[in-house]
Amino acid sequence: MKLIATLFAPLLLSGCVSLATAAALIDVSVIDRSTGEQLDVYRHHGRLYVAGIPGNRYAVSLRNKSGARVLTVVSVDGINAISGQAAASAQSGYVLSPWQATEVSGWRKSMDDVAAFYFTSIDDSYAARTDRPQHVGVIGVAVFREAEPPRPMPSISEAERSRPADKAGASAAAPARSESLSKQAESKIGTGHGERIEAPTRYTDFRRASSTPAEVITIYYNNRANLIAQGVIGGATQYARPNPFPGGFAPDPRY
């Protein structure tokens, strides 16, 4: 598999405890950056949901639970948080070192800053403003293990010493504003393209162990009133769910 250039997320210290999920490699949680609180998670039919407050900024918190580097491809509303493309798991993401934690707090605009994530109406969401509202309301993280580097070929003398007496040859193994409950219930919410905030990063190389993610963590979000109406909080109503990695190409923003 080819080496890919990915963004390295520097360690960010946080007092929040990451959400424990069924994921083996990373913990994922959603932090309300306007209040500093980690959003409560509701489990419904095996899926995870959080309730956002329109107008409040938020971040996706990631913590590597393993002793090896991992690549995390972060999607918000079906859009890659780094490139702005319609998200696909094969795209670039943030590389986390062993046991590292970081917060992805916005749409990346340069190597130094991002446009802040904030909960907002669908019409004001970045996805809708770029004519891609179909997958508003979902956060996805596709996680990849790193491939082991190739083992060095043995020297001739080493090969000779390891060669069986009757055979020849050797082998080598081969990344606010709250509103009334009734008003929040009017429609779903999405993620806006907010003010620029500092978030420096740098490039690194990462070779994926597989073209398929080792795991995908999906968290759906909406305002609290809608989650109650949909049965997520205190009920069991089913509803159509957006896809965090729909694929495809990125259109120009609509102004």
Foldseek 3Di string as FASTA:
>chain_A
DDKDKAWAADFDDAPDDFDDDPDDFKGKWKAQPVVRHTFDWFAAPNAIEGAAFAATFMWIKMWTAAQAKKFKFKFFLQATLEPRKRADPQDHAYIAHHGGMDIGAARDDDLWKHQGKGKHALCQAQCVQQPRNQAFFKMKIFMFGFADAWDDDDDPVVLVVPDDPVDHDDDTDHHHDGDDLVVQQPHWIGIHRHDMDTGHIDIDITHTNDSHGPDMHMYGYGHPSNCVVQQSPPGHHDDDHGDRRPDDTGGDGHD
